[in-house]
Amino acid sequence: MDIDVKELKAKMDRGDSFVLLDVREPYENAEFNIGGLLIPMGEFPAAAEQLEDRKAEEVVVYCRSGKRSATVQYMLQQAGFSKVRNLEGGMLAWLETFGQ
């Protein structure tokens, strides 16, 4: 199941409990990000171990456009994470909707 930028922003504004995961490269994260844990896609699936104790929590994965995060979403699901959501359109959609 995916999530759009408006729904994610509402969750963030409410202070909902979830894991926010940025799977872009460090330079992309430095240019603009909305927070969360930075684990570049190239570090998966090994990095999934860092999240092992959070398998039951909702995880929202984002990247630049939604393609890398969709790949990581699949990897996390294969590793037993049950509530993984991909941010539709990624940071491009976020910037288009909300700006910086």
PDB file of N, CA and C in Angstrom:
ATOM      1  N   MET A   1       0.838  -1.187   0.000  1.00  0.00           N
ATOM      2  CA  MET A   1       0.000   0.000   0.000  1.00  0.00           C
ATOM      3  C   MET A   1       0.879   1.246   0.000  1.00  0.00           C
ATOM      4  N   ASP A   2       0.567   2.182  -0.854  1.00  0.00           N
ATOM      5  CA  ASP A   2       1.349   3.402  -0.955  1.00  0.00           C
ATOM      6  C   ASP A   2       0.693   4.530  -0.158  1.00  0.00           C
ATOM      7  N   ILE A   3       1.391   5.656  -0.082  1.00  0.00           N
ATOM      8  CA  ILE A   3       0.895   6.827   0.630  1.00  0.00           C
ATOM      9  C   ILE A   3       1.217   8.046  -0.227  1.00  0.00           C
ATOM     10  N   ASP A   4       0.312   9.015  -0.266  1.00  0.00           N
ATOM     11  CA  ASP A   4       0.619  10.221  -1.035  1.00  0.00           C
ATOM     12  C   ASP A   4       1.167  11.299  -0.100  1.00  0.00           C
ATOM     13  N   VAL A   5       1.687  12.363  -0.679  1.00  0.00           N
ATOM     14  CA  VAL A   5       2.381  13.379   0.115  1.00  0.00           C
ATOM     15  C   VAL A   5       1.449  14.077   1.104  1.00  0.00           C
ATOM     16  N   LYS A   6       0.203  14.288   0.725  1.00  0.00           N
ATOM     17  CA  LYS A   6      -0.738  14.961   1.635  1.00  0.00           C
ATOM     18  C   LYS A   6      -1.042  14.093   2.852  1.00  0.00           C
ATOM     19  N   GLU A   7      -1.223  12.804   2.619  1.00  0.00           N
ATOM     20  CA  GLU A   7      -1.481  11.894   3.739  1.00  0.00           C
ATOM     21  C   GLU A   7      -0.255  11.810   4.655  1.00  0.00           C
ATOM     22  N   LEU A   8       0.947  11.747   4.059  1.00  0.00           N
ATOM     23  CA  LEU A   8       2.161  11.689   4.871  1.00  0.00           C
ATOM     24  C   LEU A   8       2.321  12.964   5.693  1.00  0.00           C
ATOM     25  N   LYS A   9       2.114  14.118   5.085  1.00  0.00           N
ATOM     26  CA  LYS A   9       2.259  15.374   5.818  1.00  0.00           C
ATOM     27  C   LYS A   9       1.261  15.438   6.968  1.00  0.00           C
ATOM     28  N   ALA A  10       0.047  14.981   6.739  1.00  0.00           N
ATOM     29  CA  ALA A  10      -0.960  14.956   7.803  1.00  0.00           C
ATOM     30  C   ALA A  10      -0.507  14.060   8.958  1.00  0.00           C
ATOM     31  N   LYS A  11       0.066  12.892   8.636  1.00  0.00           N
ATOM     32  CA  LYS A  11       0.584  11.977   9.663  1.00  0.00           C
ATOM     33  C   LYS A  11       1.691  12.658  10.460  1.00  0.00           C
ATOM     34  N   MET A  12       2.583  13.361   9.750  1.00  0.00           N
ATOM     35  CA  MET A  12       3.692  14.043  10.410  1.00  0.00           C
ATOM     36  C   MET A  12       3.168  15.176  11.303  1.00  0.00           C
ATOM     37  N   ASP A  13       2.214  15.936  10.788  1.00  0.00           N
ATOM     38  CA  ASP A  13       1.649  17.053  11.551  1.00  0.00           C
ATOM     39  C   ASP A  13       0.926  16.582  12.807  1.00  0.00           C
ATOM     40  N   ARG A  14       0.287  15.410  12.725  1.00  0.00           N
ATOM     41  CA  ARG A  14      -0.414  14.844  13.890  1.00  0.00           C
ATOM     42  C   ARG A  14       0.554  14.228  14.895  1.00  0.00           C
ATOM     43  N   GLY A  15       1.780  13.946  14.447  1.00  0.00           N
ATOM     44  CA  GLY A  15       2.741  13.286  15.322  1.00  0.00           C
ATOM     45  C   GLY A  15       2.515  11.790  15.427  1.00  0.00           C
ATOM     46  N   ASP A  16       1.917  11.200  14.382  1.00  0.00           N
ATOM     47  CA  ASP A  16       1.691   9.755  14.367  1.00  0.00           C
ATOM     48  C   ASP A  16       3.023   9.011  14.516  1.00  0.00           C
ATOM     49  N   SER A  17       2.945   7.827  15.078  1.00  0.00           N
ATOM     50  CA  SER A  17       4.131   7.006  15.258  1.00  0.00           C
ATOM     51  C   SER A  17       4.347   6.121  14.033  1.00  0.00           C
ATOM     52  N   PHE A  18       5.480   6.303  13.363  1.00  0.00           N
ATOM     53  CA  PHE A  18       5.864   5.467  12.229  1.00  0.00           C
ATOM     54  C   PHE A  18       7.343   5.686  11.964  1.00  0.00           C
ATOM     55  N   VAL A  19       7.929   4.796  11.177  1.00  0.00           N
ATOM     56  CA  VAL A  19       9.331   4.913  10.794  1.00  0.00           C
ATOM     57  C   VAL A  19       9.378   5.583   9.422  1.00  0.00           C
ATOM     58  N   LEU A  20      10.113   6.697   9.325  1.00  0.00           N
ATOM     59  CA  LEU A  20      10.278   7.396   8.058  1.00  0.00           C
ATOM     60  C   LEU A  20      11.675   7.070   7.553  1.00  0.00           C
ATOM     61  N   LEU A  21      11.747   6.534   6.338  1.00  0.00           N
ATOM     62  CA  LEU A  21      13.007   6.017   5.814  1.00  0.00           C
ATOM     63  C   LEU A  21      13.337   6.648   4.462  1.00  0.00           C
ATOM     64  N   ASP A  22      14.460   7.364   4.394  1.00  0.00           N
ATOM     65  CA  ASP A  22      14.951   7.996   3.168  1.00  0.00           C
ATOM     66  C   ASP A  22      15.982   7.051   2.560  1.00  0.00           C
ATOM     67  N   VAL A  23      15.736   6.579   1.329  1.00  0.00           N
ATOM     68  CA  VAL A  23      16.640   5.616   0.702  1.00  0.00           C
ATOM     69  C   VAL A  23      17.463   6.248  -0.421  1.00  0.00           C
ATOM     70  N   ARG A  24      17.530   7.599  -0.421  1.00  0.00           N
ATOM     71  CA  ARG A  24      18.344   8.295  -1.420  1.00  0.00           C
ATOM     72  C   ARG A  24      19.810   8.304  -0.979  1.00  0.00           C
ATOM     73  N   GLU A  25      20.637   8.875  -1.818  1.00  0.00           N
ATOM     74  CA  GLU A  25      22.053   9.001  -1.493  1.00  0.00           C
ATOM     75  C   GLU A  25      22.251  10.165  -0.518  1.00  0.00           C
ATOM     76  N   PRO A  26      23.347  10.137   0.260  1.00  0.00           N
ATOM     77  CA  PRO A  26      23.585  11.209   1.240  1.00  0.00           C
ATOM     78  C   PRO A  26      23.562  12.622   0.636  1.00  0.00           C
ATOM     79  N   TYR A  27      24.102  12.801  -0.578  1.00  0.00           N
ATOM     80  CA  TYR A  27      24.108  14.137  -1.166  1.00  0.00           C
ATOM     81  C   TYR A  27      22.686  14.616  -1.469  1.00  0.00           C
ATOM     82  N   GLU A  28      21.796  13.680  -1.840  1.00  0.00           N
ATOM     83  CA  GLU A  28      20.402  14.046  -2.101  1.00  0.00           C
ATOM     84  C   GLU A  28      19.706  14.450  -0.802  1.00  0.00           C
ATOM     85  N   ASN A  29      19.991  13.694   0.241  1.00  0.00           N
ATOM     86  CA  ASN A  29      19.423  13.976   1.555  1.00  0.00           C
ATOM     87  C   ASN A  29      19.892  15.343   2.049  1.00  0.00           C
ATOM     88  N   ALA A  30      21.168  15.660   1.798  1.00  0.00           N
ATOM     89  CA  ALA A  30      21.722  16.947   2.244  1.00  0.00           C
ATOM     90  C   ALA A  30      21.074  18.114   1.502  1.00  0.00           C
ATOM     91  N   GLU A  31      20.709  17.906   0.239  1.00  0.00           N
ATOM     92  CA  GLU A  31      20.088  18.975  -0.553  1.00  0.00           C
ATOM     93  C   GLU A  31      18.702  19.310  -0.035  1.00  0.00           C
ATOM     94  N   PHE A  32      17.901  18.295   0.283  1.00  0.00           N
ATOM     95  CA  PHE A  32      16.546  18.497   0.797  1.00  0.00           C
ATOM     96  C   PHE A  32      16.031  17.179   1.338  1.00  0.00           C
ATOM     97  N   ASN A  33      15.437  17.218   2.530  1.00  0.00           N
ATOM     98  CA  ASN A  33      14.812  16.018   3.078  1.00  0.00           C
ATOM     99  C   ASN A  33      13.695  16.419   4.026  1.00  0.00           C
ATOM    100  N   ILE A  34      12.867  15.461   4.358  1.00  0.00           N
ATOM    101  CA  ILE A  34      11.763  15.704   5.278  1.00  0.00           C
ATOM    102  C   ILE A  34      11.982  14.963   6.590  1.00  0.00           C
ATOM    103  N   GLY A  35      13.229  14.566   6.819  1.00  0.00           N
ATOM    104  CA  GLY A  35      13.562  13.874   8.062  1.00  0.00           C
ATOM    105  C   GLY A  35      13.615  12.372   7.885  1.00  0.00           C
ATOM    106  N   GLY A  36      13.661  11.703   9.010  1.00  0.00           N
ATOM    107  CA  GLY A  36      13.696  10.254   8.996  1.00  0.00           C
ATOM    108  C   GLY A  36      15.108   9.700   8.999  1.00  0.00           C
ATOM    109  N   LEU A  37      15.178   8.417   8.870  1.00  0.00           N
ATOM    110  CA  LEU A  37      16.425   7.666   8.888  1.00  0.00           C
ATOM    111  C   LEU A  37      16.955   7.541   7.465  1.00  0.00           C
ATOM    112  N   LEU A  38      18.215   7.883   7.257  1.00  0.00           N
ATOM    113  CA  LEU A  38      18.831   7.777   5.929  1.00  0.00           C
ATOM    114  C   LEU A  38      19.568   6.452   5.808  1.00  0.00           C
ATOM    115  N   ILE A  39      19.071   5.593   4.920  1.00  0.00           N
ATOM    116  CA  ILE A  39      19.756   4.347   4.573  1.00  0.00           C
ATOM    117  C   ILE A  39      19.657   4.219   3.053  1.00  0.00           C
ATOM    118  N   PRO A  40      20.722   4.584   2.327  1.00  0.00           N
ATOM    119  CA  PRO A  40      20.673   4.516   0.859  1.00  0.00           C
ATOM    120  C   PRO A  40      20.285   3.120   0.357  1.00  0.00           C
ATOM    121  N   MET A  41      19.560   3.101  -0.759  1.00  0.00           N
ATOM    122  CA  MET A  41      19.071   1.838  -1.308  1.00  0.00           C
ATOM    123  C   MET A  41      20.187   0.821  -1.506  1.00  0.00           C
ATOM    124  N   GLY A  42      21.367   1.269  -1.906  1.00  0.00           N
ATOM    125  CA  GLY A  42      22.483   0.364  -2.138  1.00  0.00           C
ATOM    126  C   GLY A  42      22.919  -0.406  -0.905  1.00  0.00           C
ATOM    127  N   GLU A  43      22.507   0.057   0.278  1.00  0.00           N
ATOM    128  CA  GLU A  43      22.877  -0.618   1.523  1.00  0.00           C
ATOM    129  C   GLU A  43      21.857  -1.679   1.933  1.00  0.00           C
ATOM    130  N   PHE A  44      20.776  -1.797   1.177  1.00  0.00           N
ATOM    131  CA  PHE A  44      19.791  -2.846   1.443  1.00  0.00           C
ATOM    132  C   PHE A  44      20.192  -4.090   0.680  1.00  0.00           C
ATOM    133  N   PRO A  45      19.852  -5.290   1.087  1.00  0.00           N
ATOM    134  CA  PRO A  45      19.019  -5.617   2.238  1.00  0.00           C
ATOM    135  C   PRO A  45      19.785  -5.712   3.547  1.00  0.00           C
ATOM    136  N   ALA A  46      21.118  -5.618   3.525  1.00  0.00           N
ATOM    137  CA  ALA A  46      21.890  -5.738   4.764  1.00  0.00           C
ATOM    138  C   ALA A  46      21.436  -4.733   5.824  1.00  0.00           C
ATOM    139  N   ALA A  47      21.104  -3.534   5.410  1.00  0.00           N
ATOM    140  CA  ALA A  47      20.716  -2.494   6.363  1.00  0.00           C
ATOM    141  C   ALA A  47      19.362  -2.769   7.005  1.00  0.00           C
ATOM    142  N   ALA A  48      18.588  -3.661   6.424  1.00  0.00           N
ATOM    143  CA  ALA A  48      17.283  -3.989   7.009  1.00  0.00           C
ATOM    144  C   ALA A  48      17.443  -4.492   8.442  1.00  0.00           C
ATOM    145  N   GLU A  49      18.611  -5.035   8.746  1.00  0.00           N
ATOM    146  CA  GLU A  49      18.870  -5.514  10.111  1.00  0.00           C
ATOM    147  C   GLU A  49      18.766  -4.379  11.118  1.00  0.00           C
ATOM    148  N   GLN A  50      19.115  -3.139  10.708  1.00  0.00           N
ATOM    149  CA  GLN A  50      19.012  -1.986  11.609  1.00  0.00           C
ATOM    150  C   GLN A  50      17.571  -1.745  12.038  1.00  0.00           C
ATOM    151  N   LEU A  51      16.629  -2.208  11.225  1.00  0.00           N
ATOM    152  CA  LEU A  51      15.209  -1.988  11.483  1.00  0.00           C
ATOM    153  C   LEU A  51      14.516  -3.228  12.026  1.00  0.00           C
ATOM    154  N   GLU A  52      15.278  -4.271  12.276  1.00  0.00           N
ATOM    155  CA  GLU A  52      14.725  -5.576  12.653  1.00  0.00           C
ATOM    156  C   GLU A  52      13.706  -5.488  13.789  1.00  0.00           C
ATOM    157  N   ASP A  53      13.989  -4.678  14.803  1.00  0.00           N
ATOM    158  CA  ASP A  53      13.102  -4.601  15.965  1.00  0.00           C
ATOM    159  C   ASP A  53      11.871  -3.728  15.710  1.00  0.00           C
ATOM    160  N   ARG A  54      11.719  -3.229  14.477  1.00  0.00           N
ATOM    161  CA  ARG A  54      10.583  -2.358  14.150  1.00  0.00           C
ATOM    162  C   ARG A  54       9.691  -2.967  13.066  1.00  0.00           C
ATOM    163  N   LYS A  55       9.787  -4.290  12.902  1.00  0.00           N
ATOM    164  CA  LYS A  55       9.034  -4.980  11.842  1.00  0.00           C
ATOM    165  C   LYS A  55       7.535  -4.776  11.936  1.00  0.00           C
ATOM    166  N   ALA A  56       7.012  -4.642  13.133  1.00  0.00           N
ATOM    167  CA  ALA A  56       5.565  -4.519  13.307  1.00  0.00           C
ATOM    168  C   ALA A  56       5.072  -3.080  13.113  1.00  0.00           C
ATOM    169  N   GLU A  57       5.994  -2.124  13.084  1.00  0.00           N
ATOM    170  CA  GLU A  57       5.609  -0.720  12.940  1.00  0.00           C
ATOM    171  C   GLU A  57       5.357  -0.363  11.472  1.00  0.00           C
ATOM    172  N   GLU A  58       4.601   0.705  11.274  1.00  0.00           N
ATOM    173  CA  GLU A  58       4.417   1.224   9.929  1.00  0.00           C
ATOM    174  C   GLU A  58       5.722   1.877   9.481  1.00  0.00           C
ATOM    175  N   VAL A  59       6.161   1.562   8.270  1.00  0.00           N
ATOM    176  CA  VAL A  59       7.371   2.148   7.696  1.00  0.00           C
ATOM    177  C   VAL A  59       6.968   2.877   6.418  1.00  0.00           C
ATOM    178  N   VAL A  60       7.347   4.161   6.324  1.00  0.00           N
ATOM    179  CA  VAL A  60       7.105   4.938   5.107  1.00  0.00           C
ATOM    180  C   VAL A  60       8.462   5.188   4.464  1.00  0.00           C
ATOM    181  N   VAL A  61       8.608   4.723   3.228  1.00  0.00           N
ATOM    182  CA  VAL A  61       9.883   4.807   2.511  1.00  0.00           C
ATOM    183  C   VAL A  61       9.769   5.877   1.433  1.00  0.00           C
ATOM    184  N   TYR A  62      10.816   6.737   1.336  1.00  0.00           N
ATOM    185  CA  TYR A  62      10.799   7.739   0.276  1.00  0.00           C
ATOM    186  C   TYR A  62      12.143   7.876  -0.413  1.00  0.00           C
ATOM    187  N   CYS A  63      12.069   8.362  -1.669  1.00  0.00           N
ATOM    188  CA  CYS A  63      13.259   8.652  -2.467  1.00  0.00           C
ATOM    189  C   CYS A  63      12.954   9.875  -3.321  1.00  0.00           C
ATOM    190  N   ARG A  64      13.634  10.050  -4.422  1.00  0.00           N
ATOM    191  CA  ARG A  64      13.417  11.221  -5.271  1.00  0.00           C
ATOM    192  C   ARG A  64      12.073  11.150  -5.996  1.00  0.00           C
ATOM    193  N   SER A  65      11.797   9.996  -6.635  1.00  0.00           N
ATOM    194  CA  SER A  65      10.596   9.905  -7.466  1.00  0.00           C
ATOM    195  C   SER A  65       9.640   8.777  -7.071  1.00  0.00           C
ATOM    196  N   GLY A  66      10.069   7.901  -6.201  1.00  0.00           N
ATOM    197  CA  GLY A  66       9.234   6.772  -5.794  1.00  0.00           C
ATOM    198  C   GLY A  66       9.674   5.433  -6.339  1.00  0.00           C
ATOM    199  N   LYS A  67      10.653   5.434  -7.253  1.00  0.00           N
ATOM    200  CA  LYS A  67      11.100   4.163  -7.849  1.00  0.00           C
ATOM    201  C   LYS A  67      12.014   3.376  -6.907  1.00  0.00           C
ATOM    202  N   ARG A  68      13.053   4.035  -6.376  1.00  0.00           N
ATOM    203  CA  ARG A  68      13.958   3.335  -5.447  1.00  0.00           C
ATOM    204  C   ARG A  68      13.203   2.906  -4.188  1.00  0.00           C
ATOM    205  N   SER A  69      12.336   3.788  -3.702  1.00  0.00           N
ATOM    206  CA  SER A  69      11.606   3.448  -2.485  1.00  0.00           C
ATOM    207  C   SER A  69      10.653   2.261  -2.718  1.00  0.00           C
ATOM    208  N   ALA A  70      10.125   2.134  -3.924  1.00  0.00           N
ATOM    209  CA  ALA A  70       9.280   0.971  -4.239  1.00  0.00           C
ATOM    210  C   ALA A  70      10.105  -0.309  -4.184  1.00  0.00           C
ATOM    211  N   THR A  71      11.345  -0.238  -4.656  1.00  0.00           N
ATOM    212  CA  THR A  71      12.237  -1.401  -4.600  1.00  0.00           C
ATOM    213  C   THR A  71      12.532  -1.781  -3.150  1.00  0.00           C
ATOM    214  N   VAL A  72      12.833  -0.762  -2.325  1.00  0.00           N
ATOM    215  CA  VAL A  72      13.126  -1.026  -0.911  1.00  0.00           C
ATOM    216  C   VAL A  72      11.866  -1.514  -0.193  1.00  0.00           C
ATOM    217  N   GLN A  73      10.715  -0.988  -0.566  1.00  0.00           N
ATOM    218  CA  GLN A  73       9.454  -1.446   0.006  1.00  0.00           C
ATOM    219  C   GLN A  73       9.328  -2.961  -0.209  1.00  0.00           C
ATOM    220  N   TYR A  74       9.589  -3.403  -1.418  1.00  0.00           N
ATOM    221  CA  TYR A  74       9.521  -4.825  -1.736  1.00  0.00           C
ATOM    222  C   TYR A  74      10.534  -5.623  -0.900  1.00  0.00           C
ATOM    223  N   MET A  75      11.765  -5.115  -0.800  1.00  0.00           N
ATOM    224  CA  MET A  75      12.796  -5.823  -0.025  1.00  0.00           C
ATOM    225  C   MET A  75      12.391  -5.953   1.439  1.00  0.00           C
ATOM    226  N   LEU A  76      11.843  -4.886   2.001  1.00  0.00           N
ATOM    227  CA  LEU A  76      11.417  -4.932   3.405  1.00  0.00           C
ATOM    228  C   LEU A  76      10.261  -5.909   3.588  1.00  0.00           C
ATOM    229  N   GLN A  77       9.337  -5.913   2.639  1.00  0.00           N
ATOM    230  CA  GLN A  77       8.221  -6.865   2.725  1.00  0.00           C
ATOM    231  C   GLN A  77       8.750  -8.296   2.676  1.00  0.00           C
ATOM    232  N   GLN A  78       9.723  -8.548   1.824  1.00  0.00           N
ATOM    233  CA  GLN A  78      10.319  -9.883   1.727  1.00  0.00           C
ATOM    234  C   GLN A  78      11.042 -10.258   3.016  1.00  0.00           C
ATOM    235  N   ALA A  79      11.527  -9.234   3.753  1.00  0.00           N
ATOM    236  CA  ALA A  79      12.236  -9.479   5.014  1.00  0.00           C
ATOM    237  C   ALA A  79      11.284  -9.592   6.200  1.00  0.00           C
ATOM    238  N   GLY A  80       9.968  -9.526   5.933  1.00  0.00           N
ATOM    239  CA  GLY A  80       9.000  -9.748   6.994  1.00  0.00           C
ATOM    240  C   GLY A  80       8.362  -8.502   7.579  1.00  0.00           C
ATOM    241  N   PHE A  81       8.617  -7.345   6.997  1.00  0.00           N
ATOM    242  CA  PHE A  81       7.964  -6.123   7.461  1.00  0.00           C
ATOM    243  C   PHE A  81       6.542  -6.112   6.893  1.00  0.00           C
ATOM    244  N   SER A  82       5.563  -5.914   7.759  1.00  0.00           N
ATOM    245  CA  SER A  82       4.178  -6.077   7.324  1.00  0.00           C
ATOM    246  C   SER A  82       3.491  -4.788   6.899  1.00  0.00           C
ATOM    247  N   LYS A  83       3.976  -3.630   7.355  1.00  0.00           N
ATOM    248  CA  LYS A  83       3.288  -2.369   7.050  1.00  0.00           C
ATOM    249  C   LYS A  83       4.258  -1.383   6.406  1.00  0.00           C
ATOM    250  N   VAL A  84       4.618  -1.637   5.164  1.00  0.00           N
ATOM    251  CA  VAL A  84       5.566  -0.770   4.462  1.00  0.00           C
ATOM    252  C   VAL A  84       4.830   0.003   3.380  1.00  0.00           C
ATOM    253  N   ARG A  85       4.979   1.328   3.405  1.00  0.00           N
ATOM    254  CA  ARG A  85       4.294   2.183   2.434  1.00  0.00           C
ATOM    255  C   ARG A  85       5.320   3.003   1.669  1.00  0.00           C
ATOM    256  N   ASN A  86       5.103   3.098   0.370  1.00  0.00           N
ATOM    257  CA  ASN A  86       5.980   3.860  -0.518  1.00  0.00           C
ATOM    258  C   ASN A  86       5.364   5.241  -0.744  1.00  0.00           C
ATOM    259  N   LEU A  87       6.176   6.290  -0.618  1.00  0.00           N
ATOM    260  CA  LEU A  87       5.679   7.641  -0.872  1.00  0.00           C
ATOM    261  C   LEU A  87       5.562   7.850  -2.376  1.00  0.00           C
ATOM    262  N   GLU A  88       4.324   7.968  -2.855  1.00  0.00           N
ATOM    263  CA  GLU A  88       4.065   8.141  -4.281  1.00  0.00           C
ATOM    264  C   GLU A  88       4.684   9.446  -4.787  1.00  0.00           C
ATOM    265  N   GLY A  89       5.506   9.351  -5.796  1.00  0.00           N
ATOM    266  CA  GLY A  89       6.113  10.538  -6.389  1.00  0.00           C
ATOM    267  C   GLY A  89       7.315  11.072  -5.647  1.00  0.00           C
ATOM    268  N   GLY A  90       7.602  10.546  -4.467  1.00  0.00           N
ATOM    269  CA  GLY A  90       8.784  10.916  -3.708  1.00  0.00           C
ATOM    270  C   GLY A  90       8.922  12.407  -3.436  1.00  0.00           C
ATOM    271  N   MET A  91      10.174  12.850  -3.343  1.00  0.00           N
ATOM    272  CA  MET A  91      10.460  14.246  -3.037  1.00  0.00           C
ATOM    273  C   MET A  91      10.038  15.183  -4.162  1.00  0.00           C
ATOM    274  N   LEU A  92       9.980  14.679  -5.390  1.00  0.00           N
ATOM    275  CA  LEU A  92       9.494  15.514  -6.492  1.00  0.00           C
ATOM    276  C   LEU A  92       8.039  15.920  -6.228  1.00  0.00           C
ATOM    277  N   ALA A  93       7.220  14.971  -5.806  1.00  0.00           N
ATOM    278  CA  ALA A  93       5.816  15.267  -5.504  1.00  0.00           C
ATOM    279  C   ALA A  93       5.701  16.155  -4.272  1.00  0.00           C
ATOM    280  N   TRP A  94       6.556  15.914  -3.281  1.00  0.00           N
ATOM    281  CA  TRP A  94       6.527  16.736  -2.066  1.00  0.00           C
ATOM    282  C   TRP A  94       6.817  18.196  -2.415  1.00  0.00           C
ATOM    283  N   LEU A  95       7.890  18.418  -3.176  1.00  0.00           N
ATOM    284  CA  LEU A  95       8.269  19.788  -3.548  1.00  0.00           C
ATOM    285  C   LEU A  95       7.215  20.445  -4.430  1.00  0.00           C
ATOM    286  N   GLU A  96       6.612  19.659  -5.312  1.00  0.00           N
ATOM    287  CA  GLU A  96       5.562  20.196  -6.193  1.00  0.00           C
ATOM    288  C   GLU A  96       4.339  20.621  -5.368  1.00  0.00           C
ATOM    289  N   THR A  97       4.050  19.865  -4.317  1.00  0.00           N
ATOM    290  CA  THR A  97       2.870  20.127  -3.508  1.00  0.00           C
ATOM    291  C   THR A  97       3.102  21.190  -2.438  1.00  0.00           C
ATOM    292  N   PHE A  98       4.244  21.087  -1.742  1.00  0.00           N
ATOM    293  CA  PHE A  98       4.481  21.939  -0.580  1.00  0.00           C
ATOM    294  C   PHE A  98       5.639  22.922  -0.743  1.00  0.00           C
ATOM    295  N   GLY A  99       6.487  22.732  -1.762  1.00  0.00           N
ATOM    296  CA  GLY A  99       7.690  23.547  -1.896  1.00  0.00           C
ATOM    297  C   GLY A  99       8.688  23.187  -0.797  1.00  0.00           C
ATOM    298  N   GLN A 100       9.706  24.016  -0.630  1.00  0.00           N
ATOM    299  CA  GLN A 100      10.692  23.731   0.419  1.00  0.00           C
ATOM    300  C   GLN A 100      10.272  24.447   1.647  1.00  0.00           C
TER     301      GLN A 100
END
